[in-house]
Amino acid sequence: MSKKNAKQTEASNDMNTNLLVGYVRKSNAGGALKVSINTSAFGDCATYVTSDGQAYVPLVISLNALSKVLNGERAVTTLSQLQD
């Protein structure tokens, strides 16, 4: 398998292991980030519980994609959960 095909396969595998939960964009005024979460997708997310009994949903945002949103190069990026 060529390096290009291996990278495409790896990217496809990564895409299959992420659950799209919502989107992140910069506010119109530019002083805040707006996070929009799909309630149906959020309900499908895995959770973990801390020692004090609090439940959390671990989510990720790509720093590279977020910096592009903050710099105005992109309008929006994704908010996801990594799936095992």
Protein backbone atom coordinates (compact mmCIF):
# COMPACT_ATOMS: atom_id res chain seq x y z
CA MET A 1 0.00 0.00 0.00
CA SER A 2 1.38 3.44 -0.91
CA LYS A 3 1.97 6.10 1.75
CA LYS A 4 -0.87 8.18 0.30
CA ASN A 5 -3.33 5.27 0.48
CA ALA A 6 -2.15 4.39 3.99
CA LYS A 7 -2.77 7.98 5.13
CA GLN A 8 -6.22 7.99 3.50
CA THR A 9 -7.08 4.69 5.20
CA GLU A 10 -5.80 6.00 8.53
CA ALA A 11 -7.87 9.17 8.09
CA SER A 12 -10.94 7.08 7.24
CA ASN A 13 -10.40 4.98 10.37
CA ASP A 14 -10.07 8.14 12.46
CA MET A 15 -13.28 9.51 10.99
CA ASN A 16 -15.09 6.31 11.90
CA THR A 17 -13.95 6.60 15.51
CA ASN A 18 -15.23 10.13 16.13
CA LEU A 19 -18.79 11.02 17.06
CA LEU A 20 -19.76 14.47 15.79
CA VAL A 21 -21.43 16.22 18.71
CA GLY A 22 -21.59 19.83 17.54
CA TYR A 23 -19.81 22.87 16.17
CA VAL A 24 -17.66 25.70 17.48
CA ARG A 25 -17.56 29.17 15.92
CA LYS A 26 -16.42 32.65 16.89
CA SER A 27 -19.16 35.05 18.01
CA ASN A 28 -20.14 37.91 15.71
CA ALA A 29 -18.42 40.38 18.03
CA GLY A 30 -15.35 38.14 18.06
CA GLY A 31 -14.91 38.13 21.83
CA ALA A 32 -16.23 34.64 22.54
CA LEU A 33 -16.59 31.13 21.18
CA LYS A 34 -20.08 29.83 20.48
CA VAL A 35 -20.56 26.10 21.06
CA SER A 36 -23.60 24.39 19.54
CA ILE A 37 -24.26 20.84 20.73
CA ASN A 38 -26.68 18.46 19.06
CA THR A 39 -28.76 17.10 21.95
CA SER A 40 -29.38 13.77 20.24
CA ALA A 41 -25.67 13.21 19.58
CA PHE A 42 -24.79 14.38 23.11
CA GLY A 43 -27.10 11.70 24.49
CA ASP A 44 -25.15 9.08 22.52
CA CYS A 45 -21.81 10.12 24.06
CA ALA A 46 -19.89 7.97 26.50
CA THR A 47 -19.36 9.41 29.97
CA TYR A 48 -17.02 8.88 32.87
CA VAL A 49 -17.55 9.39 36.57
CA THR A 50 -15.02 10.99 38.90
CA SER A 51 -14.29 9.81 42.44
CA ASP A 52 -16.72 12.42 43.82
CA GLY A 53 -19.58 10.97 41.75
CA GLN A 54 -19.75 13.70 39.08
CA ALA A 55 -20.38 12.49 35.50
CA TYR A 56 -18.59 14.11 32.55
CA VAL A 57 -18.68 13.82 28.77
CA PRO A 58 -15.16 14.02 27.29
CA LEU A 59 -15.16 16.06 24.05
CA VAL A 60 -12.36 17.23 21.75
CA ILE A 61 -11.70 20.17 19.45
CA SER A 62 -8.71 20.17 17.12
CA LEU A 63 -6.33 22.94 18.19
CA ASN A 64 -5.26 23.45 14.59
CA ALA A 65 -8.84 23.84 13.37
CA LEU A 66 -9.75 26.04 16.35
CA SER A 67 -6.84 28.38 15.68
CA LYS A 68 -8.06 28.74 12.08
CA VAL A 69 -11.50 29.72 13.40
CA LEU A 70 -9.95 32.24 15.78
CA ASN A 71 -7.78 33.68 12.97
CA GLY A 72 -10.75 33.99 10.62
CA GLU A 73 -9.46 31.38 8.15
CA ARG A 74 -12.47 29.12 8.85
CA ALA A 75 -15.97 29.96 9.99
CA VAL A 76 -16.59 26.80 12.03
CA THR A 77 -14.97 23.62 13.34
CA THR A 78 -16.31 20.44 14.89
CA LEU A 79 -16.80 19.33 18.46
CA SER A 80 -16.44 15.55 18.72
CA GLN A 81 -16.04 12.62 21.03
CA LEU A 82 -13.35 10.05 20.30
CA GLN A 83 -14.88 6.58 20.18
CA ASP A 84 -12.94 3.41 21.00
